[in-house]
């Protein structure tokens, strides 16, 4: 009996930190916060692409798909940490 209760406690313990996903109210509709972070990452990458083109830095960046993908990931995760870290 005691062993069974111990296994039950161990099975339920990881659920102690669970809670709902972070959501934000945007124009009366709740969106998952990660969607907003992805949008910020895409918008920031497009903006920085224009900066790189106008500054004539884009030919010197190397593999452009890899550079822009990494830039998108950086901006997405940074915006998540800045705005939605709890």
C-alpha atoms as a PDB file:
ATOM      1  CA  UNK A   1       0.000   0.000   0.000  1.00  0.00           C
ATOM      2  CA  UNK A   2       2.764   2.399   0.955  1.00  0.00           C
ATOM      3  CA  UNK A   3       4.715   1.520  -2.212  1.00  0.00           C
ATOM      4  CA  UNK A   4       1.625   2.124  -4.354  1.00  0.00           C
ATOM      5  CA  UNK A   5       1.089   5.568  -2.804  1.00  0.00           C
ATOM      6  CA  UNK A   6       4.731   6.430  -3.434  1.00  0.00           C
ATOM      7  CA  UNK A   7       4.421   5.544  -7.137  1.00  0.00           C
ATOM      8  CA  UNK A   8       1.202   7.537  -7.371  1.00  0.00           C
ATOM      9  CA  UNK A   9       2.896  10.542  -5.789  1.00  0.00           C
ATOM     10  CA  UNK A  10       5.852  10.252  -8.174  1.00  0.00           C
ATOM     11  CA  UNK A  11       3.495  10.006 -11.160  1.00  0.00           C
ATOM     12  CA  UNK A  12       1.555  13.142 -10.171  1.00  0.00           C
ATOM     13  CA  UNK A  13       4.533  15.260  -9.084  1.00  0.00           C
ATOM     14  CA  UNK A  14       5.492  16.541 -12.592  1.00  0.00           C
ATOM     15  CA  UNK A  15       1.972  17.941 -12.967  1.00  0.00           C
ATOM     16  CA  UNK A  16       2.440  20.329 -10.054  1.00  0.00           C
ATOM     17  CA  UNK A  17       3.946  23.034 -12.274  1.00  0.00           C
ATOM     18  CA  UNK A  18       1.311  22.849 -15.010  1.00  0.00           C
ATOM     19  CA  UNK A  19      -0.881  25.819 -15.724  1.00  0.00           C
ATOM     20  CA  UNK A  20      -2.578  27.319 -18.725  1.00  0.00           C
ATOM     21  CA  UNK A  21      -0.611  28.583 -21.683  1.00  0.00           C
ATOM     22  CA  UNK A  22       0.273  32.285 -21.621  1.00  0.00           C
ATOM     23  CA  UNK A  23      -2.398  34.191 -23.478  1.00  0.00           C
ATOM     24  CA  UNK A  24      -2.880  37.851 -24.244  1.00  0.00           C
ATOM     25  CA  UNK A  25      -6.064  39.720 -24.955  1.00  0.00           C
ATOM     26  CA  UNK A  26      -5.757  41.217 -28.436  1.00  0.00           C
ATOM     27  CA  UNK A  27      -8.829  43.133 -29.624  1.00  0.00           C
ATOM     28  CA  UNK A  28     -11.105  41.026 -27.449  1.00  0.00           C
ATOM     29  CA  UNK A  29      -9.725  37.691 -28.615  1.00  0.00           C
ATOM     30  CA  UNK A  30      -7.218  35.621 -26.684  1.00  0.00           C
ATOM     31  CA  UNK A  31      -4.157  34.611 -28.688  1.00  0.00           C
ATOM     32  CA  UNK A  32      -1.331  32.396 -27.542  1.00  0.00           C
ATOM     33  CA  UNK A  33       1.605  34.601 -26.706  1.00  0.00           C
ATOM     34  CA  UNK A  34       3.967  32.596 -28.918  1.00  0.00           C
ATOM     35  CA  UNK A  35       2.046  33.756 -31.997  1.00  0.00           C
ATOM     36  CA  UNK A  36       2.762  37.361 -31.097  1.00  0.00           C
ATOM     37  CA  UNK A  37       6.443  36.543 -30.536  1.00  0.00           C
ATOM     38  CA  UNK A  38       6.669  34.844 -33.936  1.00  0.00           C
ATOM     39  CA  UNK A  39       5.063  37.895 -35.560  1.00  0.00           C
ATOM     40  CA  UNK A  40       7.554  40.201 -33.849  1.00  0.00           C
ATOM     41  CA  UNK A  41      10.379  37.951 -35.052  1.00  0.00           C
ATOM     42  CA  UNK A  42       9.140  37.995 -38.651  1.00  0.00           C
ATOM     43  CA  UNK A  43       8.558  41.749 -38.639  1.00  0.00           C
ATOM     44  CA  UNK A  44      11.963  42.438 -37.104  1.00  0.00           C
ATOM     45  CA  UNK A  45      13.680  40.178 -39.626  1.00  0.00           C
ATOM     46  CA  UNK A  46      11.964  41.918 -42.535  1.00  0.00           C
ATOM     47  CA  UNK A  47      12.943  45.295 -41.117  1.00  0.00           C
ATOM     48  CA  UNK A  48      16.574  44.240 -40.642  1.00  0.00           C
ATOM     49  CA  UNK A  49      16.607  42.795 -44.173  1.00  0.00           C
ATOM     50  CA  UNK A  50      15.780  46.258 -45.492  1.00  0.00           C
ATOM     51  CA  UNK A  51      18.501  47.770 -43.308  1.00  0.00           C
ATOM     52  CA  UNK A  52      21.055  45.268 -44.634  1.00  0.00           C
ATOM     53  CA  UNK A  53      20.064  45.946 -48.249  1.00  0.00           C
ATOM     54  CA  UNK A  54      20.209  49.736 -47.904  1.00  0.00           C
ATOM     55  CA  UNK A  55      23.538  49.578 -46.047  1.00  0.00           C
ATOM     56  CA  UNK A  56      24.855  47.230 -48.787  1.00  0.00           C
ATOM     57  CA  UNK A  57      25.796  44.623 -46.175  1.00  0.00           C
ATOM     58  CA  UNK A  58      23.737  41.746 -47.564  1.00  0.00           C
ATOM     59  CA  UNK A  59      26.373  40.464 -50.053  1.00  0.00           C
ATOM     60  CA  UNK A  60      28.792  40.035 -47.128  1.00  0.00           C
ATOM     61  CA  UNK A  61      26.471  38.014 -44.881  1.00  0.00           C
ATOM     62  CA  UNK A  62      27.222  34.560 -46.298  1.00  0.00           C
ATOM     63  CA  UNK A  63      24.433  31.982 -46.476  1.00  0.00           C
ATOM     64  CA  UNK A  64      21.389  34.247 -46.498  1.00  0.00           C
ATOM     65  CA  UNK A  65      18.741  31.625 -45.609  1.00  0.00           C
ATOM     66  CA  UNK A  66      20.764  30.557 -42.586  1.00  0.00           C
ATOM     67  CA  UNK A  67      21.476  34.150 -41.526  1.00  0.00           C
ATOM     68  CA  UNK A  68      17.841  35.225 -41.761  1.00  0.00           C
ATOM     69  CA  UNK A  69      16.577  32.055 -40.074  1.00  0.00           C
ATOM     70  CA  UNK A  70      18.946  32.581 -37.143  1.00  0.00           C
ATOM     71  CA  UNK A  71      17.980  36.242 -36.980  1.00  0.00           C
ATOM     72  CA  UNK A  72      14.285  35.288 -36.900  1.00  0.00           C
ATOM     73  CA  UNK A  73      14.891  32.775 -34.090  1.00  0.00           C
ATOM     74  CA  UNK A  74      16.921  35.319 -32.130  1.00  0.00           C
ATOM     75  CA  UNK A  75      14.252  38.012 -32.401  1.00  0.00           C
ATOM     76  CA  UNK A  76      11.408  35.594 -31.637  1.00  0.00           C
ATOM     77  CA  UNK A  77      13.033  34.195 -28.502  1.00  0.00           C
ATOM     78  CA  UNK A  78      14.222  37.615 -27.347  1.00  0.00           C
ATOM     79  CA  UNK A  79      10.707  39.057 -27.677  1.00  0.00           C
ATOM     80  CA  UNK A  80       9.313  36.068 -25.768  1.00  0.00           C
ATOM     81  CA  UNK A  81      11.769  36.677 -22.933  1.00  0.00           C
ATOM     82  CA  UNK A  82      11.186  40.437 -22.878  1.00  0.00           C
ATOM     83  CA  UNK A  83       7.394  40.441 -22.927  1.00  0.00           C
ATOM     84  CA  UNK A  84       6.078  37.086 -21.707  1.00  0.00           C
ATOM     85  CA  UNK A  85       8.600  35.682 -19.212  1.00  0.00           C
ATOM     86  CA  UNK A  86       6.712  34.937 -16.058  1.00  0.00           C
END
